[in-house]
Amino acid sequence: MPREYPYLAGTRKCPFALVTPSGGLELLVDHERRPFDESFFEACIRNSIGYVMGYDEEIRRESTDAAVAFLKRHLLP
């Protein structure tokens, strides 16, 4: 069963943070790369208080398989 943690912050409303070889830490906002802005990111987190967690074996398996496939595709010669 999912559990709610009203005191935890999440990043669900925040842009995706990227670590890039050329630009270092960047944000992906509206499908565009932008320089990382710490105050902008912190504001997103402050507006994302409340977190729900649960466990689903099928989703865990799919996530693990997707992560392994990604790493093999991008890290193996």
PDB file of N, CA and C in Angstrom:
ATOM      1  N   MET A   1       0.840  -1.189   0.000  1.00  0.00           N
ATOM      2  CA  MET A   1       0.000   0.000   0.000  1.00  0.00           C
ATOM      3  C   MET A   1       0.882   1.248   0.000  1.00  0.00           C
ATOM      4  N   PRO A   2       0.509   2.238  -0.775  1.00  0.00           N
ATOM      5  CA  PRO A   2       1.254   3.502  -0.767  1.00  0.00           C
ATOM      6  C   PRO A   2       1.147   4.192   0.590  1.00  0.00           C
ATOM      7  N   ARG A   3       2.226   4.834   0.982  1.00  0.00           N
ATOM      8  CA  ARG A   3       2.246   5.615   2.226  1.00  0.00           C
ATOM      9  C   ARG A   3       2.544   7.063   1.883  1.00  0.00           C
ATOM     10  N   GLU A   4       1.861   7.956   2.568  1.00  0.00           N
ATOM     11  CA  GLU A   4       2.092   9.382   2.347  1.00  0.00           C
ATOM     12  C   GLU A   4       3.002   9.925   3.429  1.00  0.00           C
ATOM     13  N   TYR A   5       3.968  10.721   3.006  1.00  0.00           N
ATOM     14  CA  TYR A   5       4.907  11.375   3.911  1.00  0.00           C
ATOM     15  C   TYR A   5       4.772  12.882   3.688  1.00  0.00           C
ATOM     16  N   PRO A   6       3.877  13.538   4.428  1.00  0.00           N
ATOM     17  CA  PRO A   6       3.577  14.948   4.166  1.00  0.00           C
ATOM     18  C   PRO A   6       4.721  15.903   4.478  1.00  0.00           C
ATOM     19  N   TYR A   7       5.736  15.453   5.199  1.00  0.00           N
ATOM     20  CA  TYR A   7       6.845  16.315   5.606  1.00  0.00           C
ATOM     21  C   TYR A   7       8.056  16.186   4.689  1.00  0.00           C
ATOM     22  N   LEU A   8       8.028  15.278   3.732  1.00  0.00           N
ATOM     23  CA  LEU A   8       9.156  15.094   2.814  1.00  0.00           C
ATOM     24  C   LEU A   8       8.951  15.905   1.545  1.00  0.00           C
ATOM     25  N   ALA A   9      10.031  16.354   0.981  1.00  0.00           N
ATOM     26  CA  ALA A   9       9.979  17.089  -0.286  1.00  0.00           C
ATOM     27  C   ALA A   9      10.382  16.164  -1.427  1.00  0.00           C
ATOM     28  N   GLY A  10       9.834  16.433  -2.588  1.00  0.00           N
ATOM     29  CA  GLY A  10      10.176  15.679  -3.776  1.00  0.00           C
ATOM     30  C   GLY A  10      10.577  16.630  -4.886  1.00  0.00           C
ATOM     31  N   THR A  11      10.852  16.077  -6.038  1.00  0.00           N
ATOM     32  CA  THR A  11      11.250  16.902  -7.177  1.00  0.00           C
ATOM     33  C   THR A  11      10.255  16.763  -8.329  1.00  0.00           C
ATOM     34  N   ARG A  12       9.069  16.264  -8.045  1.00  0.00           N
ATOM     35  CA  ARG A  12       8.109  15.983  -9.113  1.00  0.00           C
ATOM     36  C   ARG A  12       7.701  17.212  -9.914  1.00  0.00           C
ATOM     37  N   LYS A  13       7.770  18.392  -9.338  1.00  0.00           N
ATOM     38  CA  LYS A  13       7.409  19.619 -10.054  1.00  0.00           C
ATOM     39  C   LYS A  13       8.633  20.360 -10.588  1.00  0.00           C
ATOM     40  N   CYS A  14       9.785  19.786 -10.391  1.00  0.00           N
ATOM     41  CA  CYS A  14      11.028  20.461 -10.775  1.00  0.00           C
ATOM     42  C   CYS A  14      11.511  19.983 -12.138  1.00  0.00           C
ATOM     43  N   PRO A  15      12.302  20.811 -12.816  1.00  0.00           N
ATOM     44  CA  PRO A  15      12.895  20.363 -14.077  1.00  0.00           C
ATOM     45  C   PRO A  15      13.909  19.262 -13.820  1.00  0.00           C
ATOM     46  N   PHE A  16      14.168  18.503 -14.835  1.00  0.00           N
ATOM     47  CA  PHE A  16      15.118  17.397 -14.765  1.00  0.00           C
ATOM     48  C   PHE A  16      16.536  17.954 -14.740  1.00  0.00           C
ATOM     49  N   ALA A  17      17.358  17.500 -13.807  1.00  0.00           N
ATOM     50  CA  ALA A  17      18.752  17.931 -13.723  1.00  0.00           C
ATOM     51  C   ALA A  17      19.620  16.976 -14.535  1.00  0.00           C
ATOM     52  N   LEU A  18      20.481  17.544 -15.366  1.00  0.00           N
ATOM     53  CA  LEU A  18      21.383  16.769 -16.220  1.00  0.00           C
ATOM     54  C   LEU A  18      22.828  17.052 -15.852  1.00  0.00           C
ATOM     55  N   VAL A  19      23.660  16.040 -15.938  1.00  0.00           N
ATOM     56  CA  VAL A  19      25.109  16.246 -15.832  1.00  0.00           C
ATOM     57  C   VAL A  19      25.645  15.982 -17.230  1.00  0.00           C
ATOM     58  N   THR A  20      26.169  17.034 -17.856  1.00  0.00           N
ATOM     59  CA  THR A  20      26.620  16.920 -19.242  1.00  0.00           C
ATOM     60  C   THR A  20      28.129  17.099 -19.336  1.00  0.00           C
ATOM     61  N   PRO A  21      28.767  16.453 -20.305  1.00  0.00           N
ATOM     62  CA  PRO A  21      30.215  16.590 -20.445  1.00  0.00           C
ATOM     63  C   PRO A  21      30.647  18.018 -20.756  1.00  0.00           C
ATOM     64  N   SER A  22      29.855  18.731 -21.532  1.00  0.00           N
ATOM     65  CA  SER A  22      30.273  20.069 -21.950  1.00  0.00           C
ATOM     66  C   SER A  22      29.797  21.168 -21.005  1.00  0.00           C
ATOM     67  N   GLY A  23      28.612  21.012 -20.423  1.00  0.00           N
ATOM     68  CA  GLY A  23      28.053  22.090 -19.625  1.00  0.00           C
ATOM     69  C   GLY A  23      28.009  21.828 -18.138  1.00  0.00           C
ATOM     70  N   GLY A  24      28.460  20.664 -17.704  1.00  0.00           N
ATOM     71  CA  GLY A  24      28.361  20.337 -16.287  1.00  0.00           C
ATOM     72  C   GLY A  24      26.918  20.113 -15.889  1.00  0.00           C
ATOM     73  N   LEU A  25      26.507  20.693 -14.783  1.00  0.00           N
ATOM     74  CA  LEU A  25      25.143  20.530 -14.290  1.00  0.00           C
ATOM     75  C   LEU A  25      24.221  21.507 -15.001  1.00  0.00           C
ATOM     76  N   GLU A  26      23.175  20.974 -15.630  1.00  0.00           N
ATOM     77  CA  GLU A  26      22.208  21.777 -16.358  1.00  0.00           C
ATOM     78  C   GLU A  26      20.802  21.329 -16.004  1.00  0.00           C
ATOM     79  N   LEU A  27      19.819  22.141 -16.347  1.00  0.00           N
ATOM     80  CA  LEU A  27      18.418  21.786 -16.157  1.00  0.00           C
ATOM     81  C   LEU A  27      17.773  21.586 -17.518  1.00  0.00           C
ATOM     82  N   LEU A  28      16.849  20.644 -17.594  1.00  0.00           N
ATOM     83  CA  LEU A  28      16.065  20.435 -18.804  1.00  0.00           C
ATOM     84  C   LEU A  28      14.688  21.029 -18.540  1.00  0.00           C
ATOM     85  N   VAL A  29      14.399  22.182 -19.154  1.00  0.00           N
ATOM     86  CA  VAL A  29      13.149  22.907 -18.953  1.00  0.00           C
ATOM     87  C   VAL A  29      12.470  23.051 -20.309  1.00  0.00           C
ATOM     88  N   ASP A  30      11.244  22.541 -20.406  1.00  0.00           N
ATOM     89  CA  ASP A  30      10.501  22.614 -21.671  1.00  0.00           C
ATOM     90  C   ASP A  30      11.326  22.094 -22.842  1.00  0.00           C
ATOM     91  N   HIS A  31      11.998  20.972 -22.631  1.00  0.00           N
ATOM     92  CA  HIS A  31      12.808  20.300 -23.651  1.00  0.00           C
ATOM     93  C   HIS A  31      14.035  21.102 -24.081  1.00  0.00           C
ATOM     94  N   GLU A  32      14.440  22.082 -23.275  1.00  0.00           N
ATOM     95  CA  GLU A  32      15.635  22.862 -23.581  1.00  0.00           C
ATOM     96  C   GLU A  32      16.609  22.808 -22.413  1.00  0.00           C
ATOM     97  N   ARG A  33      17.891  22.711 -22.740  1.00  0.00           N
ATOM     98  CA  ARG A  33      18.926  22.730 -21.707  1.00  0.00           C
ATOM     99  C   ARG A  33      19.171  24.158 -21.270  1.00  0.00           C
ATOM    100  N   ARG A  34      19.226  24.350 -19.940  1.00  0.00           N
ATOM    101  CA  ARG A  34      19.492  25.673 -19.383  1.00  0.00           C
ATOM    102  C   ARG A  34      20.525  25.533 -18.267  1.00  0.00           C
ATOM    103  N   PRO A  35      21.280  26.591 -18.007  1.00  0.00           N
ATOM    104  CA  PRO A  35      22.248  26.535 -16.906  1.00  0.00           C
ATOM    105  C   PRO A  35      21.533  26.230 -15.585  1.00  0.00           C
ATOM    106  N   PHE A  36      22.191  25.501 -14.726  1.00  0.00           N
ATOM    107  CA  PHE A  36      21.617  25.164 -13.429  1.00  0.00           C
ATOM    108  C   PHE A  36      21.485  26.422 -12.585  1.00  0.00           C
ATOM    109  N   ASP A  37      20.301  26.641 -12.035  1.00  0.00           N
ATOM    110  CA  ASP A  37      20.016  27.780 -11.169  1.00  0.00           C
ATOM    111  C   ASP A  37      19.556  27.217  -9.824  1.00  0.00           C
ATOM    112  N   GLU A  38      20.443  27.271  -8.848  1.00  0.00           N
ATOM    113  CA  GLU A  38      20.160  26.657  -7.551  1.00  0.00           C
ATOM    114  C   GLU A  38      18.913  27.233  -6.892  1.00  0.00           C
ATOM    115  N   SER A  39      18.720  28.550  -6.944  1.00  0.00           N
ATOM    116  CA  SER A  39      17.557  29.150  -6.291  1.00  0.00           C
ATOM    117  C   SER A  39      16.262  28.715  -6.969  1.00  0.00           C
ATOM    118  N   PHE A  40      16.269  28.570  -8.281  1.00  0.00           N
ATOM    119  CA  PHE A  40      15.100  28.091  -9.013  1.00  0.00           C
ATOM    120  C   PHE A  40      14.766  26.660  -8.604  1.00  0.00           C
ATOM    121  N   PHE A  41      15.798  25.817  -8.527  1.00  0.00           N
ATOM    122  CA  PHE A  41      15.598  24.412  -8.167  1.00  0.00           C
ATOM    123  C   PHE A  41      15.101  24.289  -6.725  1.00  0.00           C
ATOM    124  N   GLU A  42      15.666  25.069  -5.809  1.00  0.00           N
ATOM    125  CA  GLU A  42      15.216  25.041  -4.412  1.00  0.00           C
ATOM    126  C   GLU A  42      13.764  25.489  -4.288  1.00  0.00           C
ATOM    127  N   ALA A  43      13.341  26.465  -5.079  1.00  0.00           N
ATOM    128  CA  ALA A  43      11.945  26.914  -5.057  1.00  0.00           C
ATOM    129  C   ALA A  43      11.021  25.784  -5.504  1.00  0.00           C
ATOM    130  N   CYS A  44      11.435  25.020  -6.505  1.00  0.00           N
ATOM    131  CA  CYS A  44      10.633  23.871  -6.952  1.00  0.00           C
ATOM    132  C   CYS A  44      10.450  22.870  -5.822  1.00  0.00           C
ATOM    133  N   ILE A  45      11.522  22.582  -5.109  1.00  0.00           N
ATOM    134  CA  ILE A  45      11.460  21.615  -4.016  1.00  0.00           C
ATOM    135  C   ILE A  45      10.554  22.123  -2.900  1.00  0.00           C
ATOM    136  N   ARG A  46      10.655  23.402  -2.557  1.00  0.00           N
ATOM    137  CA  ARG A  46       9.789  23.971  -1.517  1.00  0.00           C
ATOM    138  C   ARG A  46       8.312  23.844  -1.895  1.00  0.00           C
ATOM    139  N   ASN A  47       8.005  23.876  -3.186  1.00  0.00           N
ATOM    140  CA  ASN A  47       6.626  23.757  -3.655  1.00  0.00           C
ATOM    141  C   ASN A  47       6.195  22.315  -3.878  1.00  0.00           C
ATOM    142  N   SER A  48       7.055  21.379  -3.515  1.00  0.00           N
ATOM    143  CA  SER A  48       6.748  19.958  -3.721  1.00  0.00           C
ATOM    144  C   SER A  48       6.765  19.183  -2.409  1.00  0.00           C
ATOM    145  N   ILE A  49       6.283  19.787  -1.343  1.00  0.00           N
ATOM    146  CA  ILE A  49       6.238  19.100  -0.052  1.00  0.00           C
ATOM    147  C   ILE A  49       5.092  18.078  -0.088  1.00  0.00           C
ATOM    148  N   GLY A  50       5.377  16.921   0.430  1.00  0.00           N
ATOM    149  CA  GLY A  50       4.424  15.815   0.419  1.00  0.00           C
ATOM    150  C   GLY A  50       4.907  14.764  -0.561  1.00  0.00           C
ATOM    151  N   TYR A  51       5.056  13.550  -0.103  1.00  0.00           N
ATOM    152  CA  TYR A  51       5.655  12.498  -0.901  1.00  0.00           C
ATOM    153  C   TYR A  51       4.876  11.219  -0.663  1.00  0.00           C
ATOM    154  N   VAL A  52       4.610  10.462  -1.710  1.00  0.00           N
ATOM    155  CA  VAL A  52       3.915   9.178  -1.597  1.00  0.00           C
ATOM    156  C   VAL A  52       4.846   8.102  -2.130  1.00  0.00           C
ATOM    157  N   MET A  53       5.004   7.041  -1.343  1.00  0.00           N
ATOM    158  CA  MET A  53       5.854   5.923  -1.758  1.00  0.00           C
ATOM    159  C   MET A  53       5.080   4.624  -1.625  1.00  0.00           C
ATOM    160  N   GLY A  54       5.358   3.727  -2.524  1.00  0.00           N
ATOM    161  CA  GLY A  54       4.769   2.401  -2.475  1.00  0.00           C
ATOM    162  C   GLY A  54       5.699   1.431  -3.191  1.00  0.00           C
ATOM    163  N   TYR A  55       5.397   0.155  -3.105  1.00  0.00           N
ATOM    164  CA  TYR A  55       6.244  -0.860  -3.727  1.00  0.00           C
ATOM    165  C   TYR A  55       5.393  -1.703  -4.663  1.00  0.00           C
ATOM    166  N   ASP A  56       5.906  -1.915  -5.854  1.00  0.00           N
ATOM    167  CA  ASP A  56       5.239  -2.759  -6.839  1.00  0.00           C
ATOM    168  C   ASP A  56       6.322  -3.599  -7.501  1.00  0.00           C
ATOM    169  N   GLU A  57       6.262  -4.900  -7.301  1.00  0.00           N
ATOM    170  CA  GLU A  57       7.312  -5.800  -7.789  1.00  0.00           C
ATOM    171  C   GLU A  57       7.463  -5.726  -9.304  1.00  0.00           C
ATOM    172  N   GLU A  58       6.374  -5.663 -10.037  1.00  0.00           N
ATOM    173  CA  GLU A  58       6.459  -5.603 -11.499  1.00  0.00           C
ATOM    174  C   GLU A  58       7.141  -4.315 -11.963  1.00  0.00           C
ATOM    175  N   ILE A  59       6.793  -3.194 -11.361  1.00  0.00           N
ATOM    176  CA  ILE A  59       7.417  -1.915 -11.711  1.00  0.00           C
ATOM    177  C   ILE A  59       8.898  -1.924 -11.341  1.00  0.00           C
ATOM    178  N   ARG A  60       9.238  -2.519 -10.184  1.00  0.00           N
ATOM    179  CA  ARG A  60      10.651  -2.615  -9.787  1.00  0.00           C
ATOM    180  C   ARG A  60      11.438  -3.402 -10.822  1.00  0.00           C
ATOM    181  N   ARG A  61      10.864  -4.507 -11.281  1.00  0.00           N
ATOM    182  CA  ARG A  61      11.547  -5.344 -12.273  1.00  0.00           C
ATOM    183  C   ARG A  61      11.717  -4.575 -13.592  1.00  0.00           C
ATOM    184  N   GLU A  62      10.659  -3.876 -14.034  1.00  0.00           N
ATOM    185  CA  GLU A  62      10.744  -3.098 -15.267  1.00  0.00           C
ATOM    186  C   GLU A  62      11.788  -1.983 -15.141  1.00  0.00           C
ATOM    187  N   SER A  63      11.827  -1.334 -13.995  1.00  0.00           N
ATOM    188  CA  SER A  63      12.790  -0.253 -13.773  1.00  0.00           C
ATOM    189  C   SER A  63      14.214  -0.776 -13.814  1.00  0.00           C
ATOM    190  N   THR A  64      14.447  -1.896 -13.158  1.00  0.00           N
ATOM    191  CA  THR A  64      15.784  -2.492 -13.143  1.00  0.00           C
ATOM    192  C   THR A  64      16.205  -2.898 -14.547  1.00  0.00           C
ATOM    193  N   ASP A  65      15.301  -3.538 -15.280  1.00  0.00           N
ATOM    194  CA  ASP A  65      15.620  -3.947 -16.651  1.00  0.00           C
ATOM    195  C   ASP A  65      15.928  -2.735 -17.529  1.00  0.00           C
ATOM    196  N   ALA A  66      15.148  -1.667 -17.384  1.00  0.00           N
ATOM    197  CA  ALA A  66      15.366  -0.452 -18.183  1.00  0.00           C
ATOM    198  C   ALA A  66      16.700   0.195 -17.824  1.00  0.00           C
ATOM    199  N   ALA A  67      17.046   0.226 -16.537  1.00  0.00           N
ATOM    200  CA  ALA A  67      18.309   0.830 -16.108  1.00  0.00           C
ATOM    201  C   ALA A  67      19.499   0.028 -16.647  1.00  0.00           C
ATOM    202  N   VAL A  68      19.427  -1.294 -16.562  1.00  0.00           N
ATOM    203  CA  VAL A  68      20.512  -2.144 -17.060  1.00  0.00           C
ATOM    204  C   VAL A  68      20.652  -1.984 -18.578  1.00  0.00           C
ATOM    205  N   ALA A  69      19.541  -1.946 -19.297  1.00  0.00           N
ATOM    206  CA  ALA A  69      19.589  -1.776 -20.760  1.00  0.00           C
ATOM    207  C   ALA A  69      20.211  -0.423 -21.114  1.00  0.00           C
ATOM    208  N   PHE A  70      19.851   0.619 -20.391  1.00  0.00           N
ATOM    209  CA  PHE A  70      20.422   1.946 -20.632  1.00  0.00           C
ATOM    210  C   PHE A  70      21.928   1.944 -20.409  1.00  0.00           C
ATOM    211  N   LEU A  71      22.367   1.370 -19.297  1.00  0.00           N
ATOM    212  CA  LEU A  71      23.793   1.341 -18.991  1.00  0.00           C
ATOM    213  C   LEU A  71      24.569   0.523 -20.028  1.00  0.00           C
ATOM    214  N   LYS A  72      24.023  -0.603 -20.441  1.00  0.00           N
ATOM    215  CA  LYS A  72      24.695  -1.406 -21.473  1.00  0.00           C
ATOM    216  C   LYS A  72      24.788  -0.636 -22.782  1.00  0.00           C
ATOM    217  N   ARG A  73      23.723   0.064 -23.132  1.00  0.00           N
ATOM    218  CA  ARG A  73      23.682   0.804 -24.406  1.00  0.00           C
ATOM    219  C   ARG A  73      24.668   1.966 -24.407  1.00  0.00           C
ATOM    220  N   HIS A  74      24.842   2.622 -23.253  1.00  0.00           N
ATOM    221  CA  HIS A  74      25.629   3.843 -23.230  1.00  0.00           C
ATOM    222  C   HIS A  74      27.036   3.709 -22.620  1.00  0.00           C
ATOM    223  N   LEU A  75      27.291   2.616 -21.902  1.00  0.00           N
ATOM    224  CA  LEU A  75      28.589   2.495 -21.254  1.00  0.00           C
ATOM    225  C   LEU A  75      29.480   1.394 -21.817  1.00  0.00           C
ATOM    226  N   LEU A  76      28.883   0.398 -22.419  1.00  0.00           N
ATOM    227  CA  LEU A  76      29.712  -0.676 -22.968  1.00  0.00           C
ATOM    228  C   LEU A  76      30.262  -0.262 -24.329  1.00  0.00           C
ATOM    229  N   PRO A  77      31.524  -0.658 -24.605  1.00  0.00           N
ATOM    230  CA  PRO A  77      32.126  -0.297 -25.916  1.00  0.00           C
ATOM    231  C   PRO A  77      31.448  -0.976 -27.070  1.00  0.00           C
TER     232      PRO A  77
END
